[in-house]
N, C-alpha and C. Protein backbone atom coordinates (compact mmCIF):
# COMPACT_ATOMS: atom_id res chain seq x y z
N MET A 1 -219.52 7.94 103.02
CA MET A 1 -219.39 9.26 103.24
C MET A 1 -220.77 9.88 103.97
N PRO A 2 -220.54 10.74 104.99
CA PRO A 2 -221.78 11.27 105.59
C PRO A 2 -222.48 12.29 104.74
N ILE A 3 -223.59 12.64 105.09
CA ILE A 3 -224.42 13.72 104.50
C ILE A 3 -224.08 15.13 105.06
N ALA A 4 -224.26 16.11 104.37
CA ALA A 4 -224.06 17.44 104.82
C ALA A 4 -225.02 17.76 106.07
N THR A 5 -224.47 18.54 106.95
CA THR A 5 -225.07 19.08 108.11
C THR A 5 -224.99 20.50 108.19
N VAL A 6 -226.11 21.08 109.05
CA VAL A 6 -226.23 22.55 109.33
C VAL A 6 -224.63 23.00 109.85
N GLY A 7 -224.40 24.16 109.14
CA GLY A 7 -223.07 24.71 109.46
C GLY A 7 -221.96 24.34 108.63
N GLU A 8 -222.01 23.30 107.76
CA GLU A 8 -221.00 22.96 106.85
C GLU A 8 -221.03 23.94 105.73
N SER A 9 -219.94 24.18 105.12
CA SER A 9 -219.63 25.16 104.06
C SER A 9 -218.74 24.51 103.03
N ALA A 10 -218.87 25.12 101.76
CA ALA A 10 -217.93 24.80 100.74
C ALA A 10 -217.80 25.84 99.77
N SER A 11 -216.83 25.91 98.90
CA SER A 11 -216.55 27.10 97.96
C SER A 11 -216.06 26.48 96.67
N HIS A 12 -216.19 27.22 95.60
CA HIS A 12 -215.52 27.06 94.35
C HIS A 12 -215.30 28.13 93.53
N ASP A 13 -214.03 28.29 92.87
CA ASP A 13 -213.50 29.41 92.31
C ASP A 13 -213.62 29.12 90.77
N VAL A 14 -214.05 29.99 89.91
CA VAL A 14 -214.16 29.98 88.51
C VAL A 14 -213.33 31.36 87.93
N GLN A 15 -212.36 31.06 87.11
CA GLN A 15 -211.67 32.23 86.38
C GLN A 15 -212.56 32.47 85.19
N VAL A 16 -213.10 33.63 85.15
CA VAL A 16 -214.01 34.10 83.94
C VAL A 16 -213.12 34.70 82.85
N THR A 17 -213.10 34.17 81.74
CA THR A 17 -212.28 34.64 80.54
C THR A 17 -213.20 34.90 79.32
N THR A 18 -212.76 35.48 78.53
CA THR A 18 -213.72 35.82 77.39
C THR A 18 -213.90 34.31 76.67
N GLU A 19 -213.20 33.43 76.70
CA GLU A 19 -213.30 32.11 76.10
C GLU A 19 -214.32 31.36 76.92
N THR A 20 -214.41 31.55 78.27
CA THR A 20 -215.36 30.98 79.16
C THR A 20 -216.84 31.59 78.66
N ILE A 21 -216.91 32.77 78.40
CA ILE A 21 -218.27 33.62 78.03
C ILE A 21 -218.67 32.91 76.70
N ASP A 22 -217.63 32.99 75.82
CA ASP A 22 -217.95 32.42 74.52
C ASP A 22 -218.39 31.09 74.53
N ALA A 23 -217.96 30.08 75.42
CA ALA A 23 -218.28 28.85 75.41
C ALA A 23 -219.68 28.56 76.07
N PHE A 24 -219.83 29.38 77.14
CA PHE A 24 -221.30 29.61 77.81
C PHE A 24 -222.38 29.85 76.65
N ALA A 25 -221.96 30.93 75.88
CA ALA A 25 -222.87 31.39 74.89
C ALA A 25 -223.33 30.17 73.89
N ALA A 26 -222.17 29.54 73.43
CA ALA A 26 -222.28 28.47 72.50
C ALA A 26 -223.31 27.24 73.17
N LEU A 27 -222.91 27.00 74.42
CA LEU A 27 -223.64 25.87 75.11
C LEU A 27 -225.08 26.37 75.44
N SER A 28 -225.45 27.53 75.85
CA SER A 28 -226.65 27.92 76.16
C SER A 28 -227.51 28.50 75.17
N GLY A 29 -226.87 29.06 74.10
CA GLY A 29 -227.56 29.54 73.07
C GLY A 29 -227.93 31.11 73.48
N ASP A 30 -227.48 31.56 74.43
CA ASP A 30 -227.68 33.10 75.00
C ASP A 30 -226.44 33.87 74.29
N GLU A 31 -226.78 34.25 73.04
CA GLU A 31 -225.78 35.16 72.33
C GLU A 31 -226.06 36.79 72.62
N ASN A 32 -226.56 37.18 73.45
CA ASN A 32 -226.79 38.61 73.79
C ASN A 32 -225.50 39.35 73.49
N PRO A 33 -225.52 40.38 72.77
CA PRO A 33 -224.44 41.02 72.55
C PRO A 33 -223.67 41.81 73.74
N ILE A 34 -224.44 41.89 74.72
CA ILE A 34 -223.77 42.47 75.98
C ILE A 34 -222.77 41.40 76.43
N HIS A 35 -222.69 40.18 76.29
CA HIS A 35 -221.91 39.18 76.60
C HIS A 35 -220.81 38.88 75.62
N LEU A 36 -221.16 39.24 74.24
CA LEU A 36 -220.22 38.67 73.18
C LEU A 36 -219.57 39.88 72.36
N ASP A 37 -220.12 41.12 72.34
CA ASP A 37 -219.72 42.03 71.51
C ASP A 37 -219.08 43.27 72.30
N GLU A 38 -217.77 43.47 72.35
CA GLU A 38 -217.08 44.55 73.25
C GLU A 38 -217.76 45.91 72.74
N SER A 39 -217.72 46.13 71.50
CA SER A 39 -218.15 47.42 70.99
C SER A 39 -219.62 47.90 71.24
N TYR A 40 -220.38 46.79 71.05
CA TYR A 40 -221.88 46.89 71.49
C TYR A 40 -222.00 47.23 73.11
N ALA A 41 -221.45 46.39 73.91
CA ALA A 41 -221.48 46.35 75.22
C ALA A 41 -220.95 47.63 75.95
N ALA A 42 -219.89 48.18 75.18
CA ALA A 42 -219.31 49.51 75.66
C ALA A 42 -220.28 50.60 75.64
N GLU A 43 -221.29 50.53 74.76
CA GLU A 43 -222.54 51.54 74.83
C GLU A 43 -223.46 51.37 75.64
N THR A 44 -223.56 50.22 76.43
CA THR A 44 -224.58 49.83 77.54
C THR A 44 -224.34 50.51 78.87
N MET A 45 -225.28 50.17 79.72
CA MET A 45 -225.16 50.65 81.10
C MET A 45 -223.90 49.91 81.77
N PHE A 46 -223.45 48.93 81.13
CA PHE A 46 -222.35 48.08 81.84
C PHE A 46 -220.88 48.64 81.29
N GLY A 47 -220.93 49.35 80.23
CA GLY A 47 -219.64 50.00 79.72
C GLY A 47 -218.59 49.03 79.34
N GLY A 48 -219.05 47.81 79.07
CA GLY A 48 -218.29 46.89 78.45
C GLY A 48 -218.82 45.45 78.49
N ARG A 49 -218.10 44.41 78.10
CA ARG A 49 -218.63 43.05 78.05
C ARG A 49 -218.87 42.55 79.45
N VAL A 50 -219.81 41.79 79.70
CA VAL A 50 -220.03 41.04 80.93
C VAL A 50 -220.41 39.66 80.83
N ALA A 51 -220.12 38.88 81.87
CA ALA A 51 -220.33 37.46 81.69
C ALA A 51 -221.77 37.12 81.96
N HIS A 52 -222.34 36.04 81.39
CA HIS A 52 -223.75 35.53 81.75
C HIS A 52 -223.80 35.36 83.27
N GLY A 53 -224.81 35.80 83.93
CA GLY A 53 -225.03 35.70 85.25
C GLY A 53 -225.06 34.05 85.70
N MET A 54 -225.55 33.24 84.70
CA MET A 54 -225.47 31.81 85.21
C MET A 54 -224.16 31.16 85.36
N ILE A 55 -223.15 32.01 84.79
CA ILE A 55 -221.75 31.35 85.02
C ILE A 55 -221.50 31.48 86.56
N ALA A 56 -221.78 32.53 87.13
CA ALA A 56 -221.57 32.68 88.66
C ALA A 56 -222.56 31.58 89.40
N ALA A 57 -223.82 31.41 88.79
CA ALA A 57 -224.78 30.43 89.39
C ALA A 57 -224.10 29.14 89.19
N ALA A 58 -223.41 28.72 88.02
CA ALA A 58 -222.74 27.37 87.88
C ALA A 58 -221.79 27.17 88.88
N ALA A 59 -220.95 28.34 89.27
CA ALA A 59 -220.05 28.20 90.31
C ALA A 59 -220.66 27.86 91.66
N VAL A 60 -221.84 28.23 92.00
CA VAL A 60 -222.69 27.95 93.09
C VAL A 60 -222.90 26.34 93.13
N SER A 61 -223.31 25.82 91.89
CA SER A 61 -223.52 24.51 91.69
C SER A 61 -222.37 23.51 92.09
N ALA A 62 -221.17 24.01 91.60
CA ALA A 62 -220.02 23.20 91.83
C ALA A 62 -219.71 23.26 93.30
N ALA A 63 -219.91 24.41 94.05
CA ALA A 63 -219.79 24.56 95.38
C ALA A 63 -220.47 23.57 96.16
N LEU A 64 -221.81 23.55 95.72
CA LEU A 64 -222.74 22.52 96.38
C LEU A 64 -222.30 21.25 96.20
N ALA A 65 -221.74 20.87 95.14
CA ALA A 65 -221.32 19.37 94.92
C ALA A 65 -220.09 19.13 95.79
N SER A 66 -219.44 20.11 96.35
CA SER A 66 -218.27 19.88 97.31
C SER A 66 -218.81 19.55 98.68
N LEU A 67 -220.02 19.79 98.98
CA LEU A 67 -220.58 19.30 100.36
C LEU A 67 -220.49 17.96 100.56
N PRO A 68 -220.37 17.30 101.82
CA PRO A 68 -220.47 15.95 102.08
C PRO A 68 -221.71 15.20 101.42
N GLY A 69 -221.55 13.97 100.90
CA GLY A 69 -222.59 13.16 100.52
C GLY A 69 -222.96 13.50 98.99
N ASP A 70 -223.97 12.83 98.48
CA ASP A 70 -224.43 13.42 97.22
C ASP A 70 -225.58 14.42 97.30
N ILE A 71 -225.19 15.42 96.61
CA ILE A 71 -226.11 16.62 96.71
C ILE A 71 -226.93 16.68 95.40
N VAL A 72 -228.13 16.85 95.51
CA VAL A 72 -229.06 16.89 94.33
C VAL A 72 -229.81 18.44 94.52
N TYR A 73 -229.70 19.15 93.56
CA TYR A 73 -230.24 20.42 93.42
C TYR A 73 -231.60 20.40 93.29
N LEU A 74 -232.47 20.94 94.12
CA LEU A 74 -233.96 21.03 93.91
C LEU A 74 -234.54 22.27 93.64
N GLN A 75 -234.03 23.34 94.16
CA GLN A 75 -234.64 24.65 93.97
C GLN A 75 -233.42 25.70 94.35
N GLN A 76 -233.52 26.91 93.51
CA GLN A 76 -232.60 28.05 93.82
C GLN A 76 -233.35 29.27 93.68
N ASP A 77 -233.22 30.13 94.59
CA ASP A 77 -233.70 31.49 94.55
C ASP A 77 -232.40 32.42 94.42
N LEU A 78 -232.34 33.16 93.47
CA LEU A 78 -231.10 33.88 93.44
C LEU A 78 -231.36 35.35 92.89
N THR A 79 -230.45 36.24 93.33
CA THR A 79 -230.44 37.64 92.68
C THR A 79 -229.16 38.00 92.36
N PHE A 80 -229.07 38.62 90.94
CA PHE A 80 -227.69 38.88 90.59
C PHE A 80 -227.72 40.38 90.94
N GLU A 81 -226.52 40.71 91.65
CA GLU A 81 -226.31 42.01 92.27
C GLU A 81 -225.29 42.92 91.56
N ASP A 82 -224.41 42.30 90.89
CA ASP A 82 -223.33 42.97 90.28
C ASP A 82 -222.83 42.21 89.03
N PRO A 83 -222.39 42.95 87.87
CA PRO A 83 -221.84 42.00 86.73
C PRO A 83 -220.42 41.47 87.16
N VAL A 84 -220.19 40.45 86.32
CA VAL A 84 -218.83 39.84 86.27
C VAL A 84 -218.22 40.12 84.96
N ARG A 85 -216.90 40.60 84.94
CA ARG A 85 -216.34 40.91 83.76
C ARG A 85 -215.30 39.99 83.29
N PRO A 86 -214.91 39.92 82.03
CA PRO A 86 -213.94 39.03 81.65
C PRO A 86 -212.55 39.39 82.30
N GLY A 87 -211.86 38.18 82.86
CA GLY A 87 -210.81 38.49 83.61
C GLY A 87 -210.89 38.39 85.16
N GLU A 88 -212.10 38.28 85.57
CA GLU A 88 -212.26 38.30 87.07
C GLU A 88 -212.54 36.92 87.51
N MET A 89 -212.08 36.74 88.86
CA MET A 89 -212.28 35.46 89.49
C MET A 89 -213.35 35.40 90.33
N VAL A 90 -214.34 34.46 90.18
CA VAL A 90 -215.70 34.35 90.96
C VAL A 90 -215.39 33.36 92.06
N ARG A 91 -215.78 33.60 93.30
CA ARG A 91 -215.78 32.55 94.26
C ARG A 91 -217.15 32.48 94.71
N ALA A 92 -217.69 31.15 94.53
CA ALA A 92 -219.06 30.78 94.99
C ALA A 92 -218.85 30.19 96.37
N ALA A 93 -219.69 30.60 97.27
CA ALA A 93 -219.59 29.94 98.66
C ALA A 93 -221.10 29.66 99.13
N VAL A 94 -221.07 28.30 99.81
CA VAL A 94 -222.39 27.80 100.18
C VAL A 94 -222.29 27.51 101.64
N GLU A 95 -223.34 27.66 102.45
CA GLU A 95 -223.25 27.21 103.76
C GLU A 95 -224.68 26.62 104.24
N VAL A 96 -224.74 25.49 104.71
CA VAL A 96 -226.02 24.84 105.14
C VAL A 96 -226.56 25.46 106.33
N ILE A 97 -227.75 26.18 106.25
CA ILE A 97 -228.28 26.78 107.36
C ILE A 97 -229.41 26.23 107.99
N GLU A 98 -230.06 25.17 107.41
CA GLU A 98 -231.26 24.70 108.06
C GLU A 98 -231.41 23.18 107.45
N GLU A 99 -231.95 22.34 108.38
CA GLU A 99 -232.31 21.18 108.02
C GLU A 99 -233.96 21.18 107.88
N LEU A 100 -234.33 20.87 106.58
CA LEU A 100 -235.84 21.01 106.49
C LEU A 100 -236.54 19.69 106.79
N GLU A 101 -236.02 18.56 106.36
CA GLU A 101 -236.54 17.22 106.46
C GLU A 101 -235.29 16.28 106.68
N SER A 102 -235.55 15.06 106.90
CA SER A 102 -234.26 14.23 107.13
C SER A 102 -233.33 14.28 106.01
N ASP A 103 -233.65 14.59 104.74
CA ASP A 103 -232.74 14.44 103.64
C ASP A 103 -232.78 15.93 102.84
N ARG A 104 -233.42 16.82 103.24
CA ARG A 104 -233.54 18.23 102.62
C ARG A 104 -232.87 19.34 103.43
N LEU A 105 -232.09 20.09 102.84
CA LEU A 105 -231.39 21.21 103.42
C LEU A 105 -231.65 22.43 102.80
N ARG A 106 -231.76 23.68 103.60
CA ARG A 106 -231.75 25.01 103.05
C ARG A 106 -230.14 25.43 103.20
N VAL A 107 -229.82 25.90 101.99
CA VAL A 107 -228.38 26.43 101.73
C VAL A 107 -228.25 27.96 101.30
N ARG A 108 -227.57 28.72 102.02
CA ARG A 108 -227.20 30.03 101.74
C ARG A 108 -226.16 29.92 100.58
N THR A 109 -226.48 30.67 99.47
CA THR A 109 -225.72 30.76 98.33
C THR A 109 -225.15 32.12 97.97
N GLU A 110 -223.84 32.23 97.80
CA GLU A 110 -223.35 33.59 97.45
C GLU A 110 -222.27 33.30 96.43
N ALA A 111 -222.00 34.48 95.57
CA ALA A 111 -220.78 34.56 94.87
C ALA A 111 -220.20 35.91 94.70
N PHE A 112 -218.89 36.05 94.89
CA PHE A 112 -218.11 37.26 94.89
C PHE A 112 -217.25 37.31 93.77
N VAL A 113 -216.77 38.47 93.46
CA VAL A 113 -215.58 38.82 92.66
C VAL A 113 -214.42 39.17 93.61
N ASP A 114 -213.41 38.20 93.57
CA ASP A 114 -212.39 38.46 94.47
C ASP A 114 -211.77 39.72 94.61
N ALA A 115 -211.32 40.29 93.39
CA ALA A 115 -210.52 41.41 93.37
C ALA A 115 -211.28 42.63 93.92
N ARG A 116 -212.61 42.61 93.56
CA ARG A 116 -213.54 43.73 94.08
C ARG A 116 -214.03 43.68 95.39
N GLU A 117 -214.07 42.44 95.95
CA GLU A 117 -214.72 41.97 97.16
C GLU A 117 -216.01 42.22 97.13
N GLU A 118 -216.80 42.18 96.02
CA GLU A 118 -218.26 42.51 95.83
C GLU A 118 -218.94 41.30 95.57
N ARG A 119 -220.31 41.22 96.19
CA ARG A 119 -220.94 39.98 95.99
C ARG A 119 -221.79 40.20 94.74
N VAL A 120 -221.77 39.30 93.74
CA VAL A 120 -222.24 39.33 92.44
C VAL A 120 -223.69 38.57 92.39
N LEU A 121 -223.80 37.67 93.42
CA LEU A 121 -224.96 36.85 93.40
C LEU A 121 -225.25 36.52 94.75
N ASP A 122 -226.67 36.43 95.12
CA ASP A 122 -227.06 36.22 96.47
C ASP A 122 -228.38 35.35 96.33
N GLY A 123 -228.41 34.25 97.31
CA GLY A 123 -229.50 33.61 97.38
C GLY A 123 -229.65 32.35 98.17
N GLU A 124 -230.71 31.51 98.07
CA GLU A 124 -230.75 30.39 98.90
C GLU A 124 -231.16 29.08 97.97
N ALA A 125 -230.66 27.97 98.41
CA ALA A 125 -231.12 26.77 97.63
C ALA A 125 -231.77 25.72 98.67
N ILE A 126 -232.47 24.79 97.88
CA ILE A 126 -232.97 23.60 98.63
C ILE A 126 -232.31 22.51 97.98
N VAL A 127 -231.65 21.60 98.79
CA VAL A 127 -230.91 20.45 98.06
C VAL A 127 -231.32 19.15 98.86
N LEU A 128 -231.33 18.10 98.12
CA LEU A 128 -231.50 16.69 98.71
C LEU A 128 -230.05 16.31 99.08
N SER A 129 -229.89 15.85 100.38
CA SER A 129 -228.56 15.46 100.71
C SER A 129 -228.52 13.85 101.14
N LEU A 130 -227.87 13.13 100.28
CA LEU A 130 -227.99 11.71 100.44
C LEU A 130 -226.61 11.16 100.91
N PRO A 131 -226.49 10.19 101.48
CA PRO A 131 -225.15 9.39 101.76
C PRO A 131 -224.58 9.09 100.30
N HIS A 132 -223.28 9.15 100.22
CA HIS A 132 -222.71 8.72 99.05
C HIS A 132 -222.33 7.16 99.06
N ASP A 133 -222.77 6.55 98.12
CA ASP A 133 -222.57 5.06 98.08
C ASP A 133 -221.24 4.75 97.22
N ASP A 134 -220.14 4.28 98.13
CA ASP A 134 -219.04 4.05 97.46
C ASP A 134 -219.03 2.71 96.66
N GLY A 135 -219.98 1.99 96.73
CA GLY A 135 -220.17 0.68 96.40
C GLY A 135 -220.23 0.30 95.02
């Protein structure tokens, strides 16, 4: 399988549910009540429960894995721009924008909530792109 090249893109969708948020909290140990307690979260600036930002970032990781070849995450710069709420679908989109070295690429990374058509995450990643060995 060939390696990823400039201009190639991929995406990945994640349906965020209360179960997703609960499972992520258990896995990560991040039990902030803004993510887990609706009553508490309702009194915050968010006005209700929101997903961990890293759930949207994990969707970016899955989108990167959909690019050709074997992709190894080396670096990520990201900004969380808007919260994701239970029941929303997150679409992560990645696009290779620059070849840095023969095996390293700069990739634009974004995530959107489909229903609101709002970007919730913005950034760039550096990845190692290697040919896939089917052998």
